[in-house]
Amino acid sequence: MVDDGDPGVLIQTGINNPIAIGLAASLLQEAGIPFFVTDQNSTAQQESGNAFGWWNVRVPREREAEAREILQSVEDSK
């Protein structure tokens, strides 16, 4: 979970397949990157324009580059 004092960075992904979502979550956990999943009923969903159920996450600012690399690798593996 991202620290309450800093909401972190919202990363919008094109991931909407349950298997890919599970893989992305596992890879983030293995890397030790805390993340908060935003869902279609959240304010973050409206903020991000996520009308298609894509999996968007918030991560700590200092881990953003690493998280983006992991998420991109999952998107590229489709």
PDB file of N, CA and C in Angstrom:
ATOM      1  N   MET A   1       0.840  -1.173   0.000  1.00  0.00           N
ATOM      2  CA  MET A   1       0.000   0.000   0.000  1.00  0.00           C
ATOM      3  C   MET A   1       0.886   1.238   0.000  1.00  0.00           C
ATOM      4  N   VAL A   2       0.480   2.229  -0.740  1.00  0.00           N
ATOM      5  CA  VAL A   2       1.217   3.476  -0.818  1.00  0.00           C
ATOM      6  C   VAL A   2       1.028   4.239   0.489  1.00  0.00           C
ATOM      7  N   ASP A   3       2.075   4.911   0.945  1.00  0.00           N
ATOM      8  CA  ASP A   3       2.019   5.690   2.180  1.00  0.00           C
ATOM      9  C   ASP A   3       0.897   6.712   2.126  1.00  0.00           C
ATOM     10  N   ASP A   4       0.129   6.829   3.216  1.00  0.00           N
ATOM     11  CA  ASP A   4      -1.010   7.739   3.254  1.00  0.00           C
ATOM     12  C   ASP A   4      -0.609   9.196   3.075  1.00  0.00           C
ATOM     13  N   GLY A   5       0.611   9.554   3.453  1.00  0.00           N
ATOM     14  CA  GLY A   5       1.055  10.935   3.330  1.00  0.00           C
ATOM     15  C   GLY A   5       1.303  11.357   1.894  1.00  0.00           C
ATOM     16  N   ASP A   6       1.561  10.429   1.023  1.00  0.00           N
ATOM     17  CA  ASP A   6       1.814  10.718  -0.382  1.00  0.00           C
ATOM     18  C   ASP A   6       1.008   9.725  -1.205  1.00  0.00           C
ATOM     19  N   PRO A   7       0.068  10.213  -1.997  1.00  0.00           N
ATOM     20  CA  PRO A   7      -0.767   9.289  -2.764  1.00  0.00           C
ATOM     21  C   PRO A   7       0.001   8.543  -3.852  1.00  0.00           C
ATOM     22  N   GLY A   8       1.243   8.922  -4.086  1.00  0.00           N
ATOM     23  CA  GLY A   8       2.024   8.242  -5.100  1.00  0.00           C
ATOM     24  C   GLY A   8       1.677   8.704  -6.492  1.00  0.00           C
ATOM     25  N   VAL A   9       2.021   7.887  -7.440  1.00  0.00           N
ATOM     26  CA  VAL A   9       1.828   8.205  -8.848  1.00  0.00           C
ATOM     27  C   VAL A   9       0.812   7.231  -9.426  1.00  0.00           C
ATOM     28  N   LEU A  10      -0.165   7.750 -10.147  1.00  0.00           N
ATOM     29  CA  LEU A  10      -1.138   6.895 -10.819  1.00  0.00           C
ATOM     30  C   LEU A  10      -0.551   6.440 -12.147  1.00  0.00           C
ATOM     31  N   ILE A  11      -0.469   5.138 -12.325  1.00  0.00           N
ATOM     32  CA  ILE A  11       0.004   4.574 -13.585  1.00  0.00           C
ATOM     33  C   ILE A  11      -1.191   3.962 -14.291  1.00  0.00           C
ATOM     34  N   GLN A  12      -1.482   4.475 -15.461  1.00  0.00           N
ATOM     35  CA  GLN A  12      -2.573   3.936 -16.265  1.00  0.00           C
ATOM     36  C   GLN A  12      -1.997   2.850 -17.166  1.00  0.00           C
ATOM     37  N   THR A  13      -2.669   1.713 -17.188  1.00  0.00           N
ATOM     38  CA  THR A  13      -2.194   0.609 -18.029  1.00  0.00           C
ATOM     39  C   THR A  13      -3.271   0.242 -19.041  1.00  0.00           C
ATOM     40  N   GLY A  14      -2.900  -0.594 -19.972  1.00  0.00           N
ATOM     41  CA  GLY A  14      -3.849  -1.156 -20.916  1.00  0.00           C
ATOM     42  C   GLY A  14      -4.200  -2.580 -20.537  1.00  0.00           C
ATOM     43  N   ILE A  15      -3.911  -2.940 -19.283  1.00  0.00           N
ATOM     44  CA  ILE A  15      -4.123  -4.308 -18.816  1.00  0.00           C
ATOM     45  C   ILE A  15      -5.561  -4.445 -18.324  1.00  0.00           C
ATOM     46  N   ASN A  16      -6.325  -5.360 -18.941  1.00  0.00           N
ATOM     47  CA  ASN A  16      -7.693  -5.598 -18.469  1.00  0.00           C
ATOM     48  C   ASN A  16      -8.053  -7.080 -18.459  1.00  0.00           C
ATOM     49  N   ASN A  17      -7.109  -7.938 -18.753  1.00  0.00           N
ATOM     50  CA  ASN A  17      -7.306  -9.383 -18.727  1.00  0.00           C
ATOM     51  C   ASN A  17      -6.975  -9.891 -17.328  1.00  0.00           C
ATOM     52  N   PRO A  18      -7.843 -10.679 -16.707  1.00  0.00           N
ATOM     53  CA  PRO A  18      -7.594 -11.154 -15.339  1.00  0.00           C
ATOM     54  C   PRO A  18      -6.272 -11.897 -15.164  1.00  0.00           C
ATOM     55  N   ILE A  19      -5.853 -12.649 -16.139  1.00  0.00           N
ATOM     56  CA  ILE A  19      -4.577 -13.376 -16.036  1.00  0.00           C
ATOM     57  C   ILE A  19      -3.410 -12.390 -16.053  1.00  0.00           C
ATOM     58  N   ALA A  20      -3.465 -11.410 -16.948  1.00  0.00           N
ATOM     59  CA  ALA A  20      -2.412 -10.400 -17.020  1.00  0.00           C
ATOM     60  C   ALA A  20      -2.387  -9.546 -15.754  1.00  0.00           C
ATOM     61  N   ILE A  21      -3.554  -9.249 -15.206  1.00  0.00           N
ATOM     62  CA  ILE A  21      -3.633  -8.487 -13.961  1.00  0.00           C
ATOM     63  C   ILE A  21      -2.948  -9.264 -12.842  1.00  0.00           C
ATOM     64  N   GLY A  22      -3.229 -10.555 -12.754  1.00  0.00           N
ATOM     65  CA  GLY A  22      -2.592 -11.393 -11.738  1.00  0.00           C
ATOM     66  C   GLY A  22      -1.078 -11.435 -11.901  1.00  0.00           C
ATOM     67  N   LEU A  23      -0.630 -11.527 -13.147  1.00  0.00           N
ATOM     68  CA  LEU A  23       0.810 -11.542 -13.413  1.00  0.00           C
ATOM     69  C   LEU A  23       1.439 -10.216 -12.990  1.00  0.00           C
ATOM     70  N   ALA A  24       0.811  -9.122 -13.358  1.00  0.00           N
ATOM     71  CA  ALA A  24       1.342  -7.803 -13.002  1.00  0.00           C
ATOM     72  C   ALA A  24       1.420  -7.640 -11.487  1.00  0.00           C
ATOM     73  N   ALA A  25       0.368  -8.041 -10.800  1.00  0.00           N
ATOM     74  CA  ALA A  25       0.359  -7.941  -9.333  1.00  0.00           C
ATOM     75  C   ALA A  25       1.468  -8.793  -8.725  1.00  0.00           C
ATOM     76  N   SER A  26       1.649 -10.000  -9.234  1.00  0.00           N
ATOM     77  CA  SER A  26       2.699 -10.885  -8.723  1.00  0.00           C
ATOM     78  C   SER A  26       4.085 -10.292  -8.948  1.00  0.00           C
ATOM     79  N   LEU A  27       4.304  -9.736 -10.126  1.00  0.00           N
ATOM     80  CA  LEU A  27       5.615  -9.160 -10.433  1.00  0.00           C
ATOM     81  C   LEU A  27       5.911  -7.933  -9.567  1.00  0.00           C
ATOM     82  N   LEU A  28       4.897  -7.105  -9.331  1.00  0.00           N
ATOM     83  CA  LEU A  28       5.088  -5.945  -8.456  1.00  0.00           C
ATOM     84  C   LEU A  28       5.396  -6.395  -7.032  1.00  0.00           C
ATOM     85  N   GLN A  29       4.685  -7.430  -6.565  1.00  0.00           N
ATOM     86  CA  GLN A  29       4.925  -7.954  -5.223  1.00  0.00           C
ATOM     87  C   GLN A  29       6.326  -8.549  -5.109  1.00  0.00           C
ATOM     88  N   GLU A  30       6.741  -9.330  -6.112  1.00  0.00           N
ATOM     89  CA  GLU A  30       8.072  -9.934  -6.100  1.00  0.00           C
ATOM     90  C   GLU A  30       9.162  -8.878  -6.074  1.00  0.00           C
ATOM     91  N   ALA A  31       8.906  -7.744  -6.743  1.00  0.00           N
ATOM     92  CA  ALA A  31       9.889  -6.657  -6.771  1.00  0.00           C
ATOM     93  C   ALA A  31       9.852  -5.826  -5.492  1.00  0.00           C
ATOM     94  N   GLY A  32       8.875  -6.103  -4.635  1.00  0.00           N
ATOM     95  CA  GLY A  32       8.765  -5.360  -3.385  1.00  0.00           C
ATOM     96  C   GLY A  32       8.241  -3.953  -3.568  1.00  0.00           C
ATOM     97  N   ILE A  33       7.480  -3.732  -4.633  1.00  0.00           N
ATOM     98  CA  ILE A  33       6.915  -2.409  -4.904  1.00  0.00           C
ATOM     99  C   ILE A  33       5.520  -2.344  -4.309  1.00  0.00           C
ATOM    100  N   PRO A  34       5.311  -1.484  -3.318  1.00  0.00           N
ATOM    101  CA  PRO A  34       3.962  -1.349  -2.778  1.00  0.00           C
ATOM    102  C   PRO A  34       3.060  -0.702  -3.820  1.00  0.00           C
ATOM    103  N   PHE A  35       1.837  -1.196  -3.937  1.00  0.00           N
ATOM    104  CA  PHE A  35       0.923  -0.617  -4.924  1.00  0.00           C
ATOM    105  C   PHE A  35      -0.495  -0.652  -4.396  1.00  0.00           C
ATOM    106  N   PHE A  36      -1.293   0.242  -4.933  1.00  0.00           N
ATOM    107  CA  PHE A  36      -2.711   0.330  -4.603  1.00  0.00           C
ATOM    108  C   PHE A  36      -3.468   0.274  -5.916  1.00  0.00           C
ATOM    109  N   VAL A  37      -4.338  -0.701  -6.044  1.00  0.00           N
ATOM    110  CA  VAL A  37      -5.111  -0.878  -7.267  1.00  0.00           C
ATOM    111  C   VAL A  37      -6.315   0.044  -7.233  1.00  0.00           C
ATOM    112  N   THR A  38      -6.506   0.789  -8.318  1.00  0.00           N
ATOM    113  CA  THR A  38      -7.705   1.614  -8.425  1.00  0.00           C
ATOM    114  C   THR A  38      -8.733   0.822  -9.217  1.00  0.00           C
ATOM    115  N   ASP A  39     -10.001   0.961  -8.846  1.00  0.00           N
ATOM    116  CA  ASP A  39     -11.018   0.195  -9.552  1.00  0.00           C
ATOM    117  C   ASP A  39     -12.015   1.115 -10.223  1.00  0.00           C
ATOM    118  N   GLN A  40     -12.940   0.529 -10.936  1.00  0.00           N
ATOM    119  CA  GLN A  40     -13.856   1.323 -11.747  1.00  0.00           C
ATOM    120  C   GLN A  40     -14.837   2.145 -10.929  1.00  0.00           C
ATOM    121  N   ASN A  41     -14.933   1.922  -9.634  1.00  0.00           N
ATOM    122  CA  ASN A  41     -15.847   2.690  -8.798  1.00  0.00           C
ATOM    123  C   ASN A  41     -15.147   3.788  -8.017  1.00  0.00           C
ATOM    124  N   SER A  42     -13.850   3.974  -8.238  1.00  0.00           N
ATOM    125  CA  SER A  42     -13.087   4.914  -7.427  1.00  0.00           C
ATOM    126  C   SER A  42     -12.960   6.280  -8.083  1.00  0.00           C
ATOM    127  N   THR A  43     -12.583   7.252  -7.295  1.00  0.00           N
ATOM    128  CA  THR A  43     -12.300   8.581  -7.801  1.00  0.00           C
ATOM    129  C   THR A  43     -11.140   8.535  -8.771  1.00  0.00           C
ATOM    130  N   ALA A  44     -10.159   7.683  -8.482  1.00  0.00           N
ATOM    131  CA  ALA A  44      -8.995   7.569  -9.364  1.00  0.00           C
ATOM    132  C   ALA A  44      -9.415   7.096 -10.747  1.00  0.00           C
ATOM    133  N   GLN A  45     -10.441   6.251 -10.821  1.00  0.00           N
ATOM    134  CA  GLN A  45     -10.935   5.797 -12.122  1.00  0.00           C
ATOM    135  C   GLN A  45     -11.460   6.976 -12.908  1.00  0.00           C
ATOM    136  N   GLN A  46     -12.186   7.858 -12.268  1.00  0.00           N
ATOM    137  CA  GLN A  46     -12.697   9.037 -12.959  1.00  0.00           C
ATOM    138  C   GLN A  46     -11.543   9.958 -13.344  1.00  0.00           C
ATOM    139  N   GLU A  47     -10.580  10.095 -12.450  1.00  0.00           N
ATOM    140  CA  GLU A  47      -9.401  10.935 -12.697  1.00  0.00           C
ATOM    141  C   GLU A  47      -8.636  10.445 -13.917  1.00  0.00           C
ATOM    142  N   SER A  48      -8.550   9.132 -14.077  1.00  0.00           N
ATOM    143  CA  SER A  48      -7.746   8.569 -15.145  1.00  0.00           C
ATOM    144  C   SER A  48      -8.523   8.355 -16.439  1.00  0.00           C
ATOM    145  N   GLY A  49      -9.826   8.543 -16.409  1.00  0.00           N
ATOM    146  CA  GLY A  49     -10.628   8.312 -17.610  1.00  0.00           C
ATOM    147  C   GLY A  49     -10.761   6.848 -17.950  1.00  0.00           C
ATOM    148  N   ASN A  50     -10.661   5.983 -16.956  1.00  0.00           N
ATOM    149  CA  ASN A  50     -10.680   4.537 -17.165  1.00  0.00           C
ATOM    150  C   ASN A  50     -12.113   4.043 -17.304  1.00  0.00           C
ATOM    151  N   ALA A  51     -12.637   4.062 -18.510  1.00  0.00           N
ATOM    152  CA  ALA A  51     -14.001   3.616 -18.747  1.00  0.00           C
ATOM    153  C   ALA A  51     -14.058   2.155 -19.191  1.00  0.00           C
ATOM    154  N   PHE A  52     -12.913   1.517 -19.371  1.00  0.00           N
ATOM    155  CA  PHE A  52     -12.886   0.171 -19.943  1.00  0.00           C
ATOM    156  C   PHE A  52     -12.425  -0.903 -18.980  1.00  0.00           C
ATOM    157  N   GLY A  53     -12.303  -0.590 -17.696  1.00  0.00           N
ATOM    158  CA  GLY A  53     -11.889  -1.592 -16.728  1.00  0.00           C
ATOM    159  C   GLY A  53     -10.417  -1.905 -16.741  1.00  0.00           C
ATOM    160  N   TRP A  54      -9.606  -1.022 -17.316  1.00  0.00           N
ATOM    161  CA  TRP A  54      -8.171  -1.260 -17.294  1.00  0.00           C
ATOM    162  C   TRP A  54      -7.669  -1.221 -15.875  1.00  0.00           C
ATOM    163  N   TRP A  55      -6.592  -1.928 -15.629  1.00  0.00           N
ATOM    164  CA  TRP A  55      -5.997  -2.045 -14.304  1.00  0.00           C
ATOM    165  C   TRP A  55      -5.030  -0.892 -14.103  1.00  0.00           C
ATOM    166  N   ASN A  56      -5.406   0.044 -13.261  1.00  0.00           N
ATOM    167  CA  ASN A  56      -4.557   1.186 -12.952  1.00  0.00           C
ATOM    168  C   ASN A  56      -4.085   1.066 -11.516  1.00  0.00           C
ATOM    169  N   VAL A  57      -2.862   1.487 -11.261  1.00  0.00           N
ATOM    170  CA  VAL A  57      -2.288   1.366  -9.922  1.00  0.00           C
ATOM    171  C   VAL A  57      -1.606   2.653  -9.504  1.00  0.00           C
ATOM    172  N   ARG A  58      -1.555   2.837  -8.202  1.00  0.00           N
ATOM    173  CA  ARG A  58      -0.744   3.913  -7.625  1.00  0.00           C
ATOM    174  C   ARG A  58       0.460   3.258  -6.973  1.00  0.00           C
ATOM    175  N   VAL A  59       1.614   3.842  -7.239  1.00  0.00           N
ATOM    176  CA  VAL A  59       2.861   3.345  -6.655  1.00  0.00           C
ATOM    177  C   VAL A  59       3.622   4.522  -6.055  1.00  0.00           C
ATOM    178  N   PRO A  60       4.557   4.257  -5.148  1.00  0.00           N
ATOM    179  CA  PRO A  60       5.364   5.351  -4.602  1.00  0.00           C
ATOM    180  C   PRO A  60       6.166   6.034  -5.718  1.00  0.00           C
ATOM    181  N   ARG A  61       6.295   7.334  -5.607  1.00  0.00           N
ATOM    182  CA  ARG A  61       7.018   8.098  -6.636  1.00  0.00           C
ATOM    183  C   ARG A  61       8.421   7.553  -6.889  1.00  0.00           C
ATOM    184  N   GLU A  62       9.092   7.158  -5.823  1.00  0.00           N
ATOM    185  CA  GLU A  62      10.477   6.705  -5.982  1.00  0.00           C
ATOM    186  C   GLU A  62      10.584   5.333  -6.651  1.00  0.00           C
ATOM    187  N   ARG A  63       9.477   4.627  -6.814  1.00  0.00           N
ATOM    188  CA  ARG A  63       9.491   3.311  -7.479  1.00  0.00           C
ATOM    189  C   ARG A  63       8.764   3.345  -8.824  1.00  0.00           C
ATOM    190  N   GLU A  64       8.379   4.544  -9.270  1.00  0.00           N
ATOM    191  CA  GLU A  64       7.579   4.673 -10.495  1.00  0.00           C
ATOM    192  C   GLU A  64       8.252   4.062 -11.717  1.00  0.00           C
ATOM    193  N   ALA A  65       9.507   4.397 -11.967  1.00  0.00           N
ATOM    194  CA  ALA A  65      10.181   3.903 -13.171  1.00  0.00           C
ATOM    195  C   ALA A  65      10.228   2.381 -13.194  1.00  0.00           C
ATOM    196  N   GLU A  66      10.560   1.790 -12.064  1.00  0.00           N
ATOM    197  CA  GLU A  66      10.630   0.329 -11.975  1.00  0.00           C
ATOM    198  C   GLU A  66       9.253  -0.298 -12.191  1.00  0.00           C
ATOM    199  N   ALA A  67       8.218   0.299 -11.586  1.00  0.00           N
ATOM    200  CA  ALA A  67       6.861  -0.225 -11.744  1.00  0.00           C
ATOM    201  C   ALA A  67       6.399  -0.107 -13.195  1.00  0.00           C
ATOM    202  N   ARG A  68       6.696   1.028 -13.822  1.00  0.00           N
ATOM    203  CA  ARG A  68       6.307   1.200 -15.237  1.00  0.00           C
ATOM    204  C   ARG A  68       6.969   0.149 -16.123  1.00  0.00           C
ATOM    205  N   GLU A  69       8.214  -0.152 -15.846  1.00  0.00           N
ATOM    206  CA  GLU A  69       8.930  -1.162 -16.629  1.00  0.00           C
ATOM    207  C   GLU A  69       8.262  -2.534 -16.480  1.00  0.00           C
ATOM    208  N   ILE A  70       7.905  -2.886 -15.272  1.00  0.00           N
ATOM    209  CA  ILE A  70       7.238  -4.169 -15.023  1.00  0.00           C
ATOM    210  C   ILE A  70       5.891  -4.212 -15.721  1.00  0.00           C
ATOM    211  N   LEU A  71       5.106  -3.156 -15.555  1.00  0.00           N
ATOM    212  CA  LEU A  71       3.770  -3.133 -16.171  1.00  0.00           C
ATOM    213  C   LEU A  71       3.854  -3.148 -17.691  1.00  0.00           C
ATOM    214  N   GLN A  72       4.826  -2.448 -18.250  1.00  0.00           N
ATOM    215  CA  GLN A  72       4.998  -2.448 -19.701  1.00  0.00           C
ATOM    216  C   GLN A  72       5.359  -3.839 -20.206  1.00  0.00           C
ATOM    217  N   SER A  73       6.176  -4.559 -19.439  1.00  0.00           N
ATOM    218  CA  SER A  73       6.547  -5.909 -19.868  1.00  0.00           C
ATOM    219  C   SER A  73       5.328  -6.817 -19.915  1.00  0.00           C
ATOM    220  N   VAL A  74       4.395  -6.624 -18.986  1.00  0.00           N
ATOM    221  CA  VAL A  74       3.153  -7.420 -18.989  1.00  0.00           C
ATOM    222  C   VAL A  74       2.293  -7.028 -20.188  1.00  0.00           C
ATOM    223  N   GLU A  75       2.173  -5.732 -20.445  1.00  0.00           N
ATOM    224  CA  GLU A  75       1.384  -5.289 -21.600  1.00  0.00           C
ATOM    225  C   GLU A  75       1.970  -5.806 -22.899  1.00  0.00           C
ATOM    226  N   ASP A  76       3.291  -5.793 -23.010  1.00  0.00           N
ATOM    227  CA  ASP A  76       3.956  -6.243 -24.244  1.00  0.00           C
ATOM    228  C   ASP A  76       3.820  -7.736 -24.458  1.00  0.00           C
ATOM    229  N   SER A  77       3.547  -8.491 -23.389  1.00  0.00           N
ATOM    230  CA  SER A  77       3.472  -9.950 -23.515  1.00  0.00           C
ATOM    231  C   SER A  77       2.114 -10.440 -23.989  1.00  0.00           C
ATOM    232  N   LYS A  78       1.181  -9.531 -24.223  1.00  0.00           N
ATOM    233  CA  LYS A  78      -0.176  -9.932 -24.676  1.00  0.00           C
ATOM    234  C   LYS A  78      -0.137 -10.636 -25.997  1.00  0.00           C
TER     235      LYS A  78
END
